[in-house]
Amino acid sequence: MTAHDAPIWAVPMTLERLNALSEGTLMRALGIRYTEIGSDFLVATMPVDGRTVQPAGLLHGGATVALGESVASAAAWCTVDPERKACVGVEINASHLRAVREGLVTCTARPVRLGGSMQVWRFDVVDARGREVCTGRLTLAVIPR
């Protein structure tokens, strides 16, 4: 493994721990589950059901953005020393590319920039067939605790 391939995580993280931290939060209410951790990415899924659709029966854009922010924020938090720093969202944007009526959507977040005072993460959401549903970017401030 080269330095370029080294994991970006500052704290040990497991899917069990991330999912346990979601108890009693928006992530749990929307059915978001973390499913994969890579050396530089985090993945979660969300069902398209009564919790996440709008009145016309389509995946709600706000639910999609909540999924993207949840995954990117959790990943960002795991790249800093939690005793000394925290990451807080300051701006998010998203482009909704395809309607979804059922199934599961999957979000992958990867860093664009991991700076000492600011991070930028890209997130991509795909449907069960792997088609792009949404792409977005989350900017976070890295602040002292």
C-alpha atoms as a PDB file:
ATOM      1  CA  MET A   1       0.000   0.000   0.000  1.00  0.00           C
ATOM      2  CA  THR A   2       1.398   3.378  -0.985  1.00  0.00           C
ATOM      3  CA  ALA A   3       0.855   6.606   0.959  1.00  0.00           C
ATOM      4  CA  HIS A   4      -1.739   7.538  -1.684  1.00  0.00           C
ATOM      5  CA  ASP A   5      -3.663   4.334  -0.887  1.00  0.00           C
ATOM      6  CA  ALA A   6      -3.496   4.810   2.903  1.00  0.00           C
ATOM      7  CA  PRO A   7      -6.879   5.047   4.638  1.00  0.00           C
ATOM      8  CA  ILE A   8      -8.039   8.572   5.446  1.00  0.00           C
ATOM      9  CA  TRP A   9      -9.724   7.660   8.733  1.00  0.00           C
ATOM     10  CA  ALA A  10      -8.345   9.193  11.940  1.00  0.00           C
ATOM     11  CA  VAL A  11     -10.503   7.011  14.179  1.00  0.00           C
ATOM     12  CA  PRO A  12     -11.290   3.311  13.944  1.00  0.00           C
ATOM     13  CA  MET A  13     -14.749   2.879  12.533  1.00  0.00           C
ATOM     14  CA  THR A  14     -17.027  -0.088  12.011  1.00  0.00           C
ATOM     15  CA  LEU A  15     -20.408  -0.407  10.376  1.00  0.00           C
ATOM     16  CA  GLU A  16     -21.832  -1.584  13.688  1.00  0.00           C
ATOM     17  CA  ARG A  17     -20.575   1.533  15.473  1.00  0.00           C
ATOM     18  CA  LEU A  18     -21.820   3.925  12.782  1.00  0.00           C
ATOM     19  CA  ASN A  19     -25.248   2.279  12.689  1.00  0.00           C
ATOM     20  CA  ALA A  20     -25.472   2.291  16.506  1.00  0.00           C
ATOM     21  CA  LEU A  21     -24.713   6.037  16.542  1.00  0.00           C
ATOM     22  CA  SER A  22     -27.766   6.525  14.297  1.00  0.00           C
ATOM     23  CA  GLU A  23     -30.205   5.328  16.967  1.00  0.00           C
ATOM     24  CA  GLY A  24     -32.732   8.028  17.817  1.00  0.00           C
ATOM     25  CA  THR A  25     -31.690  10.257  14.890  1.00  0.00           C
ATOM     26  CA  LEU A  26     -33.000  11.319  11.490  1.00  0.00           C
ATOM     27  CA  MET A  27     -30.924   8.559   9.909  1.00  0.00           C
ATOM     28  CA  ARG A  28     -32.853   5.905  11.799  1.00  0.00           C
ATOM     29  CA  ALA A  29     -36.214   7.570  11.014  1.00  0.00           C
ATOM     30  CA  LEU A  30     -35.406   7.483   7.280  1.00  0.00           C
ATOM     31  CA  GLY A  31     -34.077   3.920   7.389  1.00  0.00           C
ATOM     32  CA  ILE A  32     -30.508   4.895   6.507  1.00  0.00           C
ATOM     33  CA  ARG A  33     -28.002   2.077   7.118  1.00  0.00           C
ATOM     34  CA  TYR A  34     -24.238   2.280   6.669  1.00  0.00           C
ATOM     35  CA  THR A  35     -23.162  -0.684   4.550  1.00  0.00           C
ATOM     36  CA  GLU A  36     -19.544  -0.309   3.434  1.00  0.00           C
ATOM     37  CA  ILE A  37     -16.335   1.409   4.507  1.00  0.00           C
ATOM     38  CA  GLY A  38     -13.430   1.732   2.089  1.00  0.00           C
ATOM     39  CA  SER A  39     -10.024   3.331   2.473  1.00  0.00           C
ATOM     40  CA  ASP A  40     -11.430   6.675   1.279  1.00  0.00           C
ATOM     41  CA  PHE A  41     -15.212   6.274   1.025  1.00  0.00           C
ATOM     42  CA  LEU A  42     -18.343   5.493   3.030  1.00  0.00           C
ATOM     43  CA  VAL A  43     -21.545   3.922   1.693  1.00  0.00           C
ATOM     44  CA  ALA A  44     -25.094   3.811   3.072  1.00  0.00           C
ATOM     45  CA  THR A  45     -28.506   2.773   1.790  1.00  0.00           C
ATOM     46  CA  MET A  46     -32.002   4.178   2.257  1.00  0.00           C
ATOM     47  CA  PRO A  47     -35.335   2.595   1.337  1.00  0.00           C
ATOM     48  CA  VAL A  48     -37.745   4.323  -0.994  1.00  0.00           C
ATOM     49  CA  ASP A  49     -40.936   3.890   1.027  1.00  0.00           C
ATOM     50  CA  GLY A  50     -43.554   5.849   2.956  1.00  0.00           C
ATOM     51  CA  ARG A  51     -40.842   7.528   5.051  1.00  0.00           C
ATOM     52  CA  THR A  52     -38.895   8.880   2.084  1.00  0.00           C
ATOM     53  CA  VAL A  53     -41.359   9.667  -0.718  1.00  0.00           C
ATOM     54  CA  GLN A  54     -43.312  12.812  -1.541  1.00  0.00           C
ATOM     55  CA  PRO A  55     -47.099  12.818  -2.168  1.00  0.00           C
ATOM     56  CA  ALA A  56     -46.713  11.780  -5.843  1.00  0.00           C
ATOM     57  CA  GLY A  57     -44.929   8.609  -4.698  1.00  0.00           C
ATOM     58  CA  LEU A  58     -41.453   9.662  -5.865  1.00  0.00           C
ATOM     59  CA  LEU A  59     -38.321   9.717  -3.723  1.00  0.00           C
ATOM     60  CA  HIS A  60     -38.356  13.079  -1.932  1.00  0.00           C
ATOM     61  CA  GLY A  61     -35.440  15.325  -2.850  1.00  0.00           C
ATOM     62  CA  GLY A  62     -35.066  16.354   0.784  1.00  0.00           C
ATOM     63  CA  ALA A  63     -34.736  12.722   1.857  1.00  0.00           C
ATOM     64  CA  THR A  64     -32.106  12.194  -0.827  1.00  0.00           C
ATOM     65  CA  VAL A  65     -30.148  15.230   0.361  1.00  0.00           C
ATOM     66  CA  ALA A  66     -30.492  14.051   3.986  1.00  0.00           C
ATOM     67  CA  LEU A  67     -28.960  10.725   2.907  1.00  0.00           C
ATOM     68  CA  GLY A  68     -26.062  12.482   1.168  1.00  0.00           C
ATOM     69  CA  GLU A  69     -25.392  14.802   4.091  1.00  0.00           C
ATOM     70  CA  SER A  70     -25.612  11.952   6.588  1.00  0.00           C
ATOM     71  CA  VAL A  71     -23.048   9.828   4.756  1.00  0.00           C
ATOM     72  CA  ALA A  72     -20.627  12.675   3.969  1.00  0.00           C
ATOM     73  CA  SER A  73     -20.879  14.114   7.503  1.00  0.00           C
ATOM     74  CA  ALA A  74     -20.262  10.754   9.166  1.00  0.00           C
ATOM     75  CA  ALA A  75     -17.246  10.202   6.938  1.00  0.00           C
ATOM     76  CA  ALA A  76     -15.894  13.688   7.659  1.00  0.00           C
ATOM     77  CA  TRP A  77     -16.186  13.154  11.408  1.00  0.00           C
ATOM     78  CA  CYS A  78     -14.094  10.009  11.117  1.00  0.00           C
ATOM     79  CA  THR A  79     -11.193  11.878   9.489  1.00  0.00           C
ATOM     80  CA  VAL A  80     -10.481  14.153  12.471  1.00  0.00           C
ATOM     81  CA  ASP A  81      -9.352  13.580  16.050  1.00  0.00           C
ATOM     82  CA  PRO A  82     -12.688  13.604  17.938  1.00  0.00           C
ATOM     83  CA  GLU A  83     -11.010  14.804  21.138  1.00  0.00           C
ATOM     84  CA  ARG A  84      -9.775  17.976  19.463  1.00  0.00           C
ATOM     85  CA  LYS A  85     -11.935  18.695  16.405  1.00  0.00           C
ATOM     86  CA  ALA A  86     -15.438  18.438  14.983  1.00  0.00           C
ATOM     87  CA  CYS A  87     -16.870  18.826  11.475  1.00  0.00           C
ATOM     88  CA  VAL A  88     -20.033  20.860  10.904  1.00  0.00           C
ATOM     89  CA  GLY A  89     -21.865  21.338   7.625  1.00  0.00           C
ATOM     90  CA  VAL A  90     -21.902  24.852   6.172  1.00  0.00           C
ATOM     91  CA  GLU A  91     -23.188  24.335   2.618  1.00  0.00           C
ATOM     92  CA  ILE A  92     -24.781  21.575   0.565  1.00  0.00           C
ATOM     93  CA  ASN A  93     -25.914  21.369  -3.026  1.00  0.00           C
ATOM     94  CA  ALA A  94     -27.488  18.560  -4.970  1.00  0.00           C
ATOM     95  CA  SER A  95     -28.678  17.831  -8.485  1.00  0.00           C
ATOM     96  CA  HIS A  96     -31.561  15.377  -8.751  1.00  0.00           C
ATOM     97  CA  LEU A  97     -31.068  13.356 -11.912  1.00  0.00           C
ATOM     98  CA  ARG A  98     -33.666  10.570 -11.909  1.00  0.00           C
ATOM     99  CA  ALA A  99     -36.972   9.786 -10.219  1.00  0.00           C
ATOM    100  CA  VAL A 100     -37.262   6.653  -8.067  1.00  0.00           C
ATOM    101  CA  ARG A 101     -40.541   5.074  -6.944  1.00  0.00           C
ATOM    102  CA  GLU A 102     -39.414   1.969  -5.054  1.00  0.00           C
ATOM    103  CA  GLY A 103     -36.496  -0.101  -3.902  1.00  0.00           C
ATOM    104  CA  LEU A 104     -33.307   0.966  -2.213  1.00  0.00           C
ATOM    105  CA  VAL A 105     -31.006   3.856  -3.066  1.00  0.00           C
ATOM    106  CA  THR A 106     -27.291   3.747  -2.281  1.00  0.00           C
ATOM    107  CA  CYS A 107     -25.105   6.732  -1.467  1.00  0.00           C
ATOM    108  CA  THR A 108     -21.306   6.827  -1.678  1.00  0.00           C
ATOM    109  CA  ALA A 109     -19.362   9.759  -0.205  1.00  0.00           C
ATOM    110  CA  ARG A 110     -15.742  10.522  -1.106  1.00  0.00           C
ATOM    111  CA  PRO A 111     -13.553  13.475  -0.130  1.00  0.00           C
ATOM    112  CA  VAL A 112     -12.739  16.221  -2.583  1.00  0.00           C
ATOM    113  CA  ARG A 113     -10.624  18.161  -0.044  1.00  0.00           C
ATOM    114  CA  LEU A 114      -9.568  17.248   3.488  1.00  0.00           C
ATOM    115  CA  GLY A 115      -8.151  20.488   4.843  1.00  0.00           C
ATOM    116  CA  GLY A 116      -7.376  21.528   8.386  1.00  0.00           C
ATOM    117  CA  SER A 117     -10.173  24.100   8.513  1.00  0.00           C
ATOM    118  CA  MET A 118     -12.494  22.962   5.720  1.00  0.00           C
ATOM    119  CA  GLN A 119     -13.514  19.714   4.079  1.00  0.00           C
ATOM    120  CA  VAL A 120     -15.444  19.158   0.851  1.00  0.00           C
ATOM    121  CA  TRP A 121     -17.152  15.843   0.120  1.00  0.00           C
ATOM    122  CA  ARG A 122     -18.919  14.620  -3.007  1.00  0.00           C
ATOM    123  CA  PHE A 123     -21.815  12.211  -2.699  1.00  0.00           C
ATOM    124  CA  ASP A 124     -23.471  10.145  -5.395  1.00  0.00           C
ATOM    125  CA  VAL A 125     -26.797   8.353  -5.027  1.00  0.00           C
ATOM    126  CA  VAL A 126     -27.774   5.481  -7.341  1.00  0.00           C
ATOM    127  CA  ASP A 127     -30.895   3.330  -7.618  1.00  0.00           C
ATOM    128  CA  ALA A 128     -31.045  -0.464  -7.309  1.00  0.00           C
ATOM    129  CA  ARG A 129     -30.017  -0.776 -10.970  1.00  0.00           C
ATOM    130  CA  GLY A 130     -26.957   1.448 -10.474  1.00  0.00           C
ATOM    131  CA  ARG A 131     -28.434   4.441 -12.320  1.00  0.00           C
ATOM    132  CA  GLU A 132     -27.548   7.919 -11.064  1.00  0.00           C
ATOM    133  CA  VAL A 133     -30.309   9.464  -8.964  1.00  0.00           C
ATOM    134  CA  CYS A 134     -28.526  12.433  -7.388  1.00  0.00           C
ATOM    135  CA  THR A 135     -25.078  13.950  -7.135  1.00  0.00           C
ATOM    136  CA  GLY A 136     -24.051  16.579  -4.632  1.00  0.00           C
ATOM    137  CA  ARG A 137     -21.386  18.261  -2.580  1.00  0.00           C
ATOM    138  CA  LEU A 138     -21.151  19.008   1.124  1.00  0.00           C
ATOM    139  CA  THR A 139     -18.775  21.607   2.562  1.00  0.00           C
ATOM    140  CA  LEU A 140     -17.926  21.290   6.259  1.00  0.00           C
ATOM    141  CA  ALA A 141     -15.994  23.539   8.631  1.00  0.00           C
ATOM    142  CA  VAL A 142     -13.444  21.781  10.834  1.00  0.00           C
ATOM    143  CA  ILE A 143     -13.731  23.449  14.236  1.00  0.00           C
ATOM    144  CA  PRO A 144     -12.044  23.003  17.620  1.00  0.00           C
ATOM    145  CA  ARG A 145     -14.025  21.080  20.240  1.00  0.00           C
END
